Amino acid sequence: DPNFFDPGYTLAGSTGFTVWAGARFLLEALVTTTPPPQPDDNTSNNITTPNVALETWRPIFQNGGSILELGGGVGLLATGLAASGAHVLTTDLPSLVDHAIRPNLKRNAKLLSSSSSSPSSLQKDTTATTSPPAWLLSKNGSGKNINTPLPTPHRLGNGWASTMALDWSQPLAQQLNDHQ
């Protein structure tokens, strides 16, 4: 692992450089609209039966909802949720933020900004906000990071995503502001 000697790196953090199957399934569940069952379906065995909880949350994710992701790994969920319209602050250990999440967000923002490479389902909504929400722009916790700017948020589809390295040995309240 090339990041083994980075400050704050742990072997537990090495799992973050992997795309887990569960992350893909979670992303699909959160952003994919489930078709309603047809009248002739046997709904007791139908895996496409809408999940009421997900159907309730999905509009929040797709309409500019604020999401704080703890342990973002390579940034798969942050990218997918932002592309569908959410505003996401994804966090992890410094080595993951610097060498996985931030580069992946930047790469995906560039890909999604090109209309020729962006799937029609991820085309930007021209009525969506053109600037990132304020809570994605700076750390403002009660600890040592007061008013420290976050890296520039990336526009992904209809939402925004930014990153923040967290020190898991410190309380979150000292690292995040009241809106994060």
Protein backbone atom coordinates (compact mmCIF):
# COMPACT_ATOMS: atom_id res chain seq x y z
CA ASP A 1 0.00 0.00 0.00
CA PRO A 2 1.66 3.26 -1.09
CA ASN A 3 -0.03 5.22 1.73
CA PHE A 4 1.13 2.92 4.53
CA PHE A 5 3.48 5.51 6.07
CA ASP A 6 1.13 8.51 5.77
CA PRO A 7 0.32 10.27 9.06
CA GLY A 8 -2.98 9.03 10.47
CA TYR A 9 -3.04 5.96 8.25
CA THR A 10 -4.27 2.74 9.79
CA LEU A 11 -4.69 -0.75 8.42
CA ALA A 12 -8.42 -0.29 9.00
CA GLY A 13 -8.22 2.66 6.60
CA SER A 14 -6.81 0.45 3.85
CA THR A 15 -10.29 -1.03 3.37
CA GLY A 16 -11.40 2.36 2.07
CA PHE A 17 -9.46 1.90 -1.16
CA THR A 18 -11.90 -0.84 -2.20
CA VAL A 19 -15.28 -0.47 -3.89
CA TRP A 20 -17.51 -2.71 -1.81
CA ALA A 21 -20.48 -4.43 -3.44
CA GLY A 22 -22.68 -3.12 -0.63
CA ALA A 23 -21.86 0.48 -1.59
CA ARG A 24 -23.04 -0.13 -5.14
CA PHE A 25 -26.27 -1.75 -3.96
CA LEU A 26 -26.89 1.05 -1.46
CA LEU A 27 -26.37 3.68 -4.16
CA GLU A 28 -28.78 1.87 -6.48
CA ALA A 29 -31.36 1.63 -3.71
CA LEU A 30 -31.07 5.32 -2.88
CA VAL A 31 -31.22 6.81 -6.37
CA THR A 32 -33.03 4.28 -8.56
CA THR A 33 -36.78 4.62 -8.79
CA THR A 34 -38.46 1.29 -8.21
CA PRO A 35 -41.24 0.57 -10.69
CA PRO A 36 -44.57 -0.10 -9.03
CA PRO A 37 -45.67 -3.74 -9.07
CA GLN A 38 -48.07 -4.67 -11.86
CA PRO A 39 -51.56 -5.92 -10.92
CA ASP A 40 -50.77 -9.45 -12.09
CA ASP A 41 -47.50 -9.63 -10.10
CA ASN A 42 -47.21 -11.92 -7.13
CA THR A 43 -46.07 -9.13 -4.77
CA SER A 44 -45.20 -11.50 -1.96
CA ASN A 45 -42.30 -12.76 -4.09
CA ASN A 46 -41.68 -9.57 -6.05
CA ILE A 47 -38.31 -7.98 -5.27
CA THR A 48 -39.37 -4.78 -7.08
CA THR A 49 -42.06 -3.99 -4.49
CA PRO A 50 -41.40 -0.34 -3.54
CA ASN A 51 -39.71 0.18 -0.22
CA VAL A 52 -41.75 2.86 1.52
CA ALA A 53 -38.78 4.18 3.51
CA LEU A 54 -36.63 4.56 0.40
CA GLU A 55 -39.47 6.13 -1.56
CA THR A 56 -39.80 8.69 1.26
CA TRP A 57 -36.08 9.55 1.33
CA ARG A 58 -35.33 9.43 -2.40
CA PRO A 59 -36.82 12.91 -3.15
CA ILE A 60 -34.58 14.39 -0.46
CA PHE A 61 -31.50 12.90 -2.10
CA GLN A 62 -32.62 14.06 -5.54
CA ASN A 63 -33.65 17.61 -4.62
CA GLY A 64 -30.64 19.15 -2.93
CA GLY A 65 -30.73 17.29 0.38
CA SER A 66 -27.69 17.70 2.63
CA ILE A 67 -25.73 14.53 3.31
CA LEU A 68 -22.74 13.93 5.58
CA GLU A 69 -21.03 10.68 4.65
CA LEU A 70 -18.69 9.22 7.26
CA GLY A 71 -16.06 6.90 5.80
CA GLY A 72 -16.49 7.71 2.11
CA GLY A 73 -13.80 5.32 0.86
CA VAL A 74 -13.25 6.03 -2.84
CA GLY A 75 -16.24 8.38 -3.08
CA LEU A 76 -18.74 6.15 -4.89
CA LEU A 77 -21.77 7.13 -2.79
CA ALA A 78 -20.84 10.82 -2.74
CA THR A 79 -20.47 10.86 -6.51
CA GLY A 80 -23.72 9.03 -7.18
CA LEU A 81 -25.79 10.98 -4.66
CA ALA A 82 -24.43 14.33 -5.85
CA ALA A 83 -25.02 13.37 -9.48
CA SER A 84 -28.65 12.67 -8.61
CA GLY A 85 -29.07 16.06 -6.92
CA ALA A 86 -27.83 15.85 -3.32
CA HIS A 87 -25.23 18.06 -1.66
CA VAL A 88 -22.67 15.75 -0.05
CA LEU A 89 -19.77 16.25 2.33
CA THR A 90 -17.86 12.98 2.29
CA THR A 91 -15.27 12.32 4.96
CA ASP A 92 -12.56 9.79 5.69
CA LEU A 93 -8.97 9.48 6.82
CA PRO A 94 -6.54 11.98 5.26
CA SER A 95 -4.88 9.34 3.04
CA LEU A 96 -8.25 8.33 1.55
CA VAL A 97 -9.45 11.89 1.08
CA ASP A 98 -6.19 12.95 -0.61
CA HIS A 99 -5.51 9.85 -2.72
CA ALA A 100 -8.95 8.44 -3.50
CA ILE A 101 -12.03 10.57 -2.82
CA ARG A 102 -10.85 14.02 -3.94
CA PRO A 103 -9.21 12.77 -7.18
CA ASN A 104 -12.28 10.66 -7.99
CA LEU A 105 -14.68 13.57 -7.39
CA LYS A 106 -12.55 15.80 -9.59
CA ARG A 107 -12.36 13.17 -12.33
CA ASN A 108 -16.11 12.48 -12.23
CA ALA A 109 -16.98 16.20 -12.18
CA LYS A 110 -14.94 16.64 -15.35
CA LEU A 111 -16.65 13.66 -17.00
CA LEU A 112 -20.14 14.77 -15.98
CA SER A 113 -19.55 18.34 -17.14
CA SER A 114 -19.10 17.06 -20.68
CA SER A 115 -22.57 16.58 -22.15
CA SER A 116 -21.26 14.07 -24.68
CA SER A 117 -20.05 11.68 -21.95
CA SER A 118 -22.84 12.20 -19.44
CA PRO A 119 -25.79 9.80 -19.50
CA SER A 120 -29.11 11.57 -20.10
CA SER A 121 -30.24 10.62 -16.59
CA LEU A 122 -27.35 12.68 -15.15
CA GLN A 123 -27.65 15.77 -17.32
CA LYS A 124 -27.54 18.97 -15.32
CA ASP A 125 -30.85 20.50 -14.40
CA THR A 126 -30.61 24.08 -15.66
CA THR A 127 -32.82 25.22 -12.77
CA ALA A 128 -30.53 23.65 -10.14
CA THR A 129 -28.32 25.83 -7.98
CA THR A 130 -25.22 27.09 -9.79
CA SER A 131 -23.11 27.57 -6.67
CA PRO A 132 -22.39 25.16 -3.83
CA PRO A 133 -24.27 25.50 -0.56
CA ALA A 134 -22.41 27.48 2.10
CA TRP A 135 -22.06 24.51 4.47
CA LEU A 136 -19.81 22.79 1.88
CA LEU A 137 -17.38 25.70 1.80
CA SER A 138 -15.71 25.77 5.22
CA LYS A 139 -15.00 23.88 8.38
CA ASN A 140 -16.33 25.84 11.31
CA GLY A 141 -16.23 23.47 14.23
CA SER A 142 -15.40 24.45 17.78
CA GLY A 143 -11.94 22.88 17.54
CA LYS A 144 -8.69 23.81 15.83
CA ASN A 145 -10.18 23.98 12.31
CA ILE A 146 -12.26 27.13 12.79
CA ASN A 147 -12.92 28.87 9.47
CA THR A 148 -10.55 26.61 7.58
CA PRO A 149 -11.70 26.44 3.96
CA LEU A 150 -12.65 23.05 2.60
CA PRO A 151 -11.41 21.99 -0.81
CA THR A 152 -13.47 23.44 -3.65
CA PRO A 153 -16.75 21.53 -3.96
CA HIS A 154 -17.31 19.74 -7.25
CA ARG A 155 -20.47 20.07 -9.30
CA LEU A 156 -21.62 16.56 -10.18
CA GLY A 157 -24.81 16.29 -12.21
CA ASN A 158 -27.46 18.24 -10.27
CA GLY A 159 -25.66 18.33 -6.93
CA TRP A 160 -22.40 19.18 -5.22
CA ALA A 161 -19.78 17.14 -3.36
CA SER A 162 -16.82 18.11 -1.22
CA THR A 163 -14.37 16.27 0.99
CA MET A 164 -13.01 16.60 4.48
CA ALA A 165 -10.40 14.57 6.30
CA LEU A 166 -11.45 13.67 9.82
CA ASP A 167 -9.44 12.64 12.83
CA TRP A 168 -11.43 9.70 14.22
CA SER A 169 -9.81 10.17 17.64
CA GLN A 170 -11.43 13.62 18.02
CA PRO A 171 -15.14 14.42 18.57
CA LEU A 172 -16.98 15.29 15.36
CA ALA A 173 -18.38 18.44 17.00
CA GLN A 174 -14.84 19.84 17.10
CA GLN A 175 -14.33 19.19 13.39
CA LEU A 176 -17.69 20.04 11.80
CA ASN A 177 -19.90 23.11 11.94
CA ASP A 178 -23.52 23.10 13.09
CA HIS A 179 -24.78 22.79 9.50
CA GLN A 180 -22.62 19.80 8.68
